[in-house]
Amino acid sequence: LLRTDPVPEEGEDVAATIGAAETLTEEEREELRRELAKVEEEIQTLSQVLAAKEKHLAEIRRKLGINSLQELKQNIAKGWQDVTATSAYKKTSETLSQAGQKASAAFSSVGSVITKKLEDVKNSPTFKSFEEKVENLKSKVGGNKPAGGNFREVLNSTASASATSTEPLPEQTQESL
């Protein structure tokens, strides 16, 4: 009863299909029309059943308090779980972890090298000589007084140095001379 003639797909040659329809007998055409009506009715029934099932599903979800946002969250969580279970993710994760460890070790060793180099420079004869010259210059400029002192002592020493000066500074008053 049923023929297995191929149904033309979108874009196929319709002229070839028309030629096949002309070779059908009136009885075969009537049988195909009945079958077409039956299939259309089944499709309509299935659509109605599907709509009823979807309505029932929505009602159950509403009663359970499941909304679209929660469903989306669950789908994302499930998808992420599926992704993390793949071998590609595991390999990538391991590789990135190893790269991070190597980078951390490299930065640590760079820091150690810089610290050692700075210590070497500080202990070098050139730096020691420079340091001594700075200390000598400091003692010549500031005298042999210990570094520091309070503000009043600095002002007094500056005032006494100014008093011994041959040229008075414009800011000096008569009292300080």
C-alpha atoms as a PDB file:
ATOM      1  CA  LEU A   1       0.000   0.000   0.000  1.00  0.00           C
ATOM      2  CA  LEU A   2       2.646   2.481   0.962  1.00  0.00           C
ATOM      3  CA  ARG A   3       5.129   3.409  -1.641  1.00  0.00           C
ATOM      4  CA  THR A   4       8.692   4.230  -0.789  1.00  0.00           C
ATOM      5  CA  ASP A   5       9.040   6.875  -3.459  1.00  0.00           C
ATOM      6  CA  PRO A   6      11.390   9.569  -2.243  1.00  0.00           C
ATOM      7  CA  VAL A   7       9.766  12.850  -1.230  1.00  0.00           C
ATOM      8  CA  PRO A   8      11.431  15.755  -3.006  1.00  0.00           C
ATOM      9  CA  GLU A   9      13.524  17.891  -0.686  1.00  0.00           C
ATOM     10  CA  GLU A  10      13.642  21.630  -0.887  1.00  0.00           C
ATOM     11  CA  GLY A  11      15.592  22.642  -3.989  1.00  0.00           C
ATOM     12  CA  GLU A  12      15.184  19.292  -5.771  1.00  0.00           C
ATOM     13  CA  ASP A  13      13.873  19.092  -9.303  1.00  0.00           C
ATOM     14  CA  VAL A  14      10.073  19.337  -8.990  1.00  0.00           C
ATOM     15  CA  ALA A  15       9.565  18.431 -12.654  1.00  0.00           C
ATOM     16  CA  ALA A  16      10.824  14.904 -11.961  1.00  0.00           C
ATOM     17  CA  THR A  17       8.260  14.531  -9.170  1.00  0.00           C
ATOM     18  CA  ILE A  18       5.385  15.733 -11.354  1.00  0.00           C
ATOM     19  CA  GLY A  19       6.224  13.095 -13.927  1.00  0.00           C
ATOM     20  CA  ALA A  20       5.977  10.390 -11.244  1.00  0.00           C
ATOM     21  CA  ALA A  21       2.577  11.687 -10.062  1.00  0.00           C
ATOM     22  CA  GLU A  22       1.132  11.377 -13.562  1.00  0.00           C
ATOM     23  CA  THR A  23       1.804   7.649 -13.678  1.00  0.00           C
ATOM     24  CA  LEU A  24      -0.400   6.917 -10.607  1.00  0.00           C
ATOM     25  CA  THR A  25      -3.773   5.338 -11.105  1.00  0.00           C
ATOM     26  CA  GLU A  26      -6.919   6.969  -9.709  1.00  0.00           C
ATOM     27  CA  GLU A  27      -7.128   4.303  -7.009  1.00  0.00           C
ATOM     28  CA  GLU A  28      -3.521   4.929  -5.925  1.00  0.00           C
ATOM     29  CA  ARG A  29      -4.172   8.657  -5.795  1.00  0.00           C
ATOM     30  CA  GLU A  30      -7.238   8.166  -3.610  1.00  0.00           C
ATOM     31  CA  GLU A  31      -5.276   5.912  -1.263  1.00  0.00           C
ATOM     32  CA  LEU A  32      -2.499   8.518  -1.010  1.00  0.00           C
ATOM     33  CA  ARG A  33      -5.050  11.249  -0.271  1.00  0.00           C
ATOM     34  CA  ARG A  34      -6.510   9.163   2.590  1.00  0.00           C
ATOM     35  CA  GLU A  35      -3.016   8.476   3.915  1.00  0.00           C
ATOM     36  CA  LEU A  36      -2.164  12.175   3.655  1.00  0.00           C
ATOM     37  CA  ALA A  37      -5.281  13.117   5.629  1.00  0.00           C
ATOM     38  CA  LYS A  38      -4.474  10.448   8.231  1.00  0.00           C
ATOM     39  CA  VAL A  39      -0.875  11.643   8.657  1.00  0.00           C
ATOM     40  CA  GLU A  40      -1.995  15.278   8.920  1.00  0.00           C
ATOM     41  CA  GLU A  41      -4.541  14.271  11.585  1.00  0.00           C
ATOM     42  CA  GLU A  42      -1.864  12.339  13.511  1.00  0.00           C
ATOM     43  CA  ILE A  43       0.453  15.336  13.349  1.00  0.00           C
ATOM     44  CA  GLN A  44      -2.307  17.580  14.688  1.00  0.00           C
ATOM     45  CA  THR A  45      -3.069  15.101  17.489  1.00  0.00           C
ATOM     46  CA  LEU A  46       0.604  14.818  18.387  1.00  0.00           C
ATOM     47  CA  SER A  47       0.910  18.611  18.447  1.00  0.00           C
ATOM     48  CA  GLN A  48      -2.039  18.815  20.836  1.00  0.00           C
ATOM     49  CA  VAL A  49      -0.591  16.077  23.058  1.00  0.00           C
ATOM     50  CA  LEU A  50       2.789  17.814  23.044  1.00  0.00           C
ATOM     51  CA  ALA A  51       1.186  21.137  24.001  1.00  0.00           C
ATOM     52  CA  ALA A  52      -0.703  19.427  26.849  1.00  0.00           C
ATOM     53  CA  LYS A  53       2.502  17.744  28.060  1.00  0.00           C
ATOM     54  CA  GLU A  54       4.387  21.056  27.955  1.00  0.00           C
ATOM     55  CA  LYS A  55       1.585  22.713  29.947  1.00  0.00           C
ATOM     56  CA  HIS A  56       1.709  19.887  32.505  1.00  0.00           C
ATOM     57  CA  LEU A  57       5.512  20.205  32.704  1.00  0.00           C
ATOM     58  CA  ALA A  58       5.256  23.941  33.341  1.00  0.00           C
ATOM     59  CA  GLU A  59       2.686  23.325  36.095  1.00  0.00           C
ATOM     60  CA  ILE A  60       4.935  20.756  37.804  1.00  0.00           C
ATOM     61  CA  ARG A  61       7.913  23.124  37.617  1.00  0.00           C
ATOM     62  CA  ARG A  62       5.824  25.949  39.062  1.00  0.00           C
ATOM     63  CA  LYS A  63       4.713  23.725  41.976  1.00  0.00           C
ATOM     64  CA  LEU A  64       8.328  22.708  42.621  1.00  0.00           C
ATOM     65  CA  GLY A  65       9.470  26.333  42.475  1.00  0.00           C
ATOM     66  CA  ILE A  66      11.738  25.746  39.527  1.00  0.00           C
ATOM     67  CA  ASN A  67      11.943  28.831  37.351  1.00  0.00           C
ATOM     68  CA  SER A  68      13.832  29.579  34.162  1.00  0.00           C
ATOM     69  CA  LEU A  69      16.759  31.198  35.994  1.00  0.00           C
ATOM     70  CA  GLN A  70      17.240  28.197  38.267  1.00  0.00           C
ATOM     71  CA  GLU A  71      17.002  25.908  35.271  1.00  0.00           C
ATOM     72  CA  LEU A  72      19.614  27.981  33.444  1.00  0.00           C
ATOM     73  CA  LYS A  73      21.919  27.830  36.484  1.00  0.00           C
ATOM     74  CA  GLN A  74      21.509  24.060  36.644  1.00  0.00           C
ATOM     75  CA  ASN A  75      22.225  23.732  32.925  1.00  0.00           C
ATOM     76  CA  ILE A  76      25.343  25.893  33.222  1.00  0.00           C
ATOM     77  CA  ALA A  77      26.569  23.942  36.256  1.00  0.00           C
ATOM     78  CA  LYS A  78      25.983  20.654  34.435  1.00  0.00           C
ATOM     79  CA  GLY A  79      27.706  21.975  31.325  1.00  0.00           C
ATOM     80  CA  TRP A  80      30.714  23.168  33.359  1.00  0.00           C
ATOM     81  CA  GLN A  81      30.879  19.795  35.099  1.00  0.00           C
ATOM     82  CA  ASP A  82      30.853  18.092  31.701  1.00  0.00           C
ATOM     83  CA  VAL A  83      33.615  20.396  30.439  1.00  0.00           C
ATOM     84  CA  THR A  84      35.832  19.803  33.476  1.00  0.00           C
ATOM     85  CA  ALA A  85      35.426  16.066  33.032  1.00  0.00           C
ATOM     86  CA  THR A  86      36.926  16.115  29.531  1.00  0.00           C
ATOM     87  CA  SER A  87      40.492  14.996  28.993  1.00  0.00           C
ATOM     88  CA  ALA A  88      41.285  18.171  27.053  1.00  0.00           C
ATOM     89  CA  TYR A  89      40.331  20.315  30.058  1.00  0.00           C
ATOM     90  CA  LYS A  90      42.340  18.134  32.425  1.00  0.00           C
ATOM     91  CA  LYS A  91      45.421  18.298  30.201  1.00  0.00           C
ATOM     92  CA  THR A  92      45.091  22.072  29.796  1.00  0.00           C
ATOM     93  CA  SER A  93      44.625  22.520  33.540  1.00  0.00           C
ATOM     94  CA  GLU A  94      47.713  20.412  34.311  1.00  0.00           C
ATOM     95  CA  THR A  95      49.778  22.301  31.737  1.00  0.00           C
ATOM     96  CA  LEU A  96      48.722  25.692  33.116  1.00  0.00           C
ATOM     97  CA  SER A  97      49.444  24.537  36.649  1.00  0.00           C
ATOM     98  CA  GLN A  98      52.935  23.414  35.676  1.00  0.00           C
ATOM     99  CA  ALA A  99      53.525  26.666  33.802  1.00  0.00           C
ATOM    100  CA  GLY A 100      52.451  28.635  36.873  1.00  0.00           C
ATOM    101  CA  GLN A 101      54.822  26.672  39.091  1.00  0.00           C
ATOM    102  CA  LYS A 102      57.696  27.200  36.673  1.00  0.00           C
ATOM    103  CA  ALA A 103      56.941  30.920  36.394  1.00  0.00           C
ATOM    104  CA  SER A 104      56.820  31.217  40.185  1.00  0.00           C
ATOM    105  CA  ALA A 105      60.159  29.439  40.504  1.00  0.00           C
ATOM    106  CA  ALA A 106      61.665  31.647  37.788  1.00  0.00           C
ATOM    107  CA  PHE A 107      60.511  34.852  39.517  1.00  0.00           C
ATOM    108  CA  SER A 108      61.837  33.582  42.820  1.00  0.00           C
ATOM    109  CA  SER A 109      65.232  32.811  41.321  1.00  0.00           C
ATOM    110  CA  VAL A 110      65.333  36.212  39.575  1.00  0.00           C
ATOM    111  CA  GLY A 111      64.665  37.881  42.927  1.00  0.00           C
ATOM    112  CA  SER A 112      67.431  35.851  44.554  1.00  0.00           C
ATOM    113  CA  VAL A 113      69.872  36.726  41.778  1.00  0.00           C
ATOM    114  CA  ILE A 114      69.078  40.444  42.060  1.00  0.00           C
ATOM    115  CA  THR A 115      69.487  40.346  45.848  1.00  0.00           C
ATOM    116  CA  LYS A 116      72.835  38.551  45.536  1.00  0.00           C
ATOM    117  CA  LYS A 117      74.044  41.017  42.904  1.00  0.00           C
ATOM    118  CA  LEU A 118      73.101  43.979  45.090  1.00  0.00           C
ATOM    119  CA  GLU A 119      74.935  42.409  48.027  1.00  0.00           C
ATOM    120  CA  ASP A 120      77.965  41.837  45.791  1.00  0.00           C
ATOM    121  CA  VAL A 121      77.892  45.489  44.696  1.00  0.00           C
ATOM    122  CA  LYS A 122      77.562  46.663  48.311  1.00  0.00           C
ATOM    123  CA  ASN A 123      80.545  44.526  49.366  1.00  0.00           C
ATOM    124  CA  SER A 124      82.684  45.490  46.385  1.00  0.00           C
ATOM    125  CA  PRO A 125      85.808  47.606  46.918  1.00  0.00           C
ATOM    126  CA  THR A 126      84.494  50.263  44.527  1.00  0.00           C
ATOM    127  CA  PHE A 127      81.296  50.736  46.523  1.00  0.00           C
ATOM    128  CA  LYS A 128      83.226  50.735  49.828  1.00  0.00           C
ATOM    129  CA  SER A 129      85.553  53.421  48.435  1.00  0.00           C
ATOM    130  CA  PHE A 130      82.569  55.463  47.261  1.00  0.00           C
ATOM    131  CA  GLU A 131      80.899  55.043  50.642  1.00  0.00           C
ATOM    132  CA  GLU A 132      84.064  56.268  52.421  1.00  0.00           C
ATOM    133  CA  LYS A 133      84.261  59.301  50.147  1.00  0.00           C
ATOM    134  CA  VAL A 134      80.633  60.165  50.888  1.00  0.00           C
ATOM    135  CA  GLU A 135      81.282  59.826  54.633  1.00  0.00           C
ATOM    136  CA  ASN A 136      84.372  62.064  54.347  1.00  0.00           C
ATOM    137  CA  LEU A 137      82.438  64.658  52.408  1.00  0.00           C
ATOM    138  CA  LYS A 138      79.621  64.479  54.919  1.00  0.00           C
ATOM    139  CA  SER A 139      82.006  64.992  57.836  1.00  0.00           C
ATOM    140  CA  LYS A 140      83.695  67.937  56.075  1.00  0.00           C
ATOM    141  CA  VAL A 141      80.378  69.621  55.314  1.00  0.00           C
ATOM    142  CA  GLY A 142      78.658  68.856  58.591  1.00  0.00           C
ATOM    143  CA  GLY A 143      81.656  68.642  60.882  1.00  0.00           C
ATOM    144  CA  ASN A 144      82.308  65.711  63.184  1.00  0.00           C
ATOM    145  CA  LYS A 145      78.957  66.009  64.876  1.00  0.00           C
ATOM    146  CA  PRO A 146      76.833  62.920  64.828  1.00  0.00           C
ATOM    147  CA  ALA A 147      74.185  62.886  62.166  1.00  0.00           C
ATOM    148  CA  GLY A 148      70.770  64.062  63.150  1.00  0.00           C
ATOM    149  CA  GLY A 149      70.162  66.481  65.967  1.00  0.00           C
ATOM    150  CA  ASN A 150      67.040  68.453  66.527  1.00  0.00           C
ATOM    151  CA  PHE A 151      65.749  71.409  64.598  1.00  0.00           C
ATOM    152  CA  ARG A 152      66.756  73.979  67.255  1.00  0.00           C
ATOM    153  CA  GLU A 153      70.388  72.771  67.192  1.00  0.00           C
ATOM    154  CA  VAL A 154      70.488  73.035  63.415  1.00  0.00           C
ATOM    155  CA  LEU A 155      69.085  76.584  63.582  1.00  0.00           C
ATOM    156  CA  ASN A 156      71.571  77.609  66.274  1.00  0.00           C
ATOM    157  CA  SER A 157      74.547  76.215  64.365  1.00  0.00           C
ATOM    158  CA  THR A 158      73.345  77.975  61.220  1.00  0.00           C
ATOM    159  CA  ALA A 159      72.907  81.239  63.121  1.00  0.00           C
ATOM    160  CA  SER A 160      76.372  81.027  64.677  1.00  0.00           C
ATOM    161  CA  ALA A 161      77.893  80.224  61.286  1.00  0.00           C
ATOM    162  CA  SER A 162      76.106  83.257  59.856  1.00  0.00           C
ATOM    163  CA  ALA A 163      77.352  85.469  62.646  1.00  0.00           C
ATOM    164  CA  THR A 164      80.957  84.731  61.808  1.00  0.00           C
ATOM    165  CA  SER A 165      80.320  85.458  58.161  1.00  0.00           C
ATOM    166  CA  THR A 166      81.797  88.710  56.808  1.00  0.00           C
ATOM    167  CA  GLU A 167      78.790  89.555  54.671  1.00  0.00           C
ATOM    168  CA  PRO A 168      75.435  89.651  56.343  1.00  0.00           C
ATOM    169  CA  LEU A 169      72.665  87.877  54.548  1.00  0.00           C
ATOM    170  CA  PRO A 170      69.604  89.942  53.616  1.00  0.00           C
ATOM    171  CA  GLU A 171      67.380  87.822  55.859  1.00  0.00           C
ATOM    172  CA  GLN A 172      69.525  88.433  58.934  1.00  0.00           C
ATOM    173  CA  THR A 173      68.300  90.923  61.506  1.00  0.00           C
ATOM    174  CA  GLN A 174      70.460  93.259  63.561  1.00  0.00           C
ATOM    175  CA  GLU A 175      70.001  91.059  66.601  1.00  0.00           C
ATOM    176  CA  SER A 176      71.676  88.047  65.087  1.00  0.00           C
ATOM    177  CA  LEU A 177      74.803  90.067  64.238  1.00  0.00           C
END
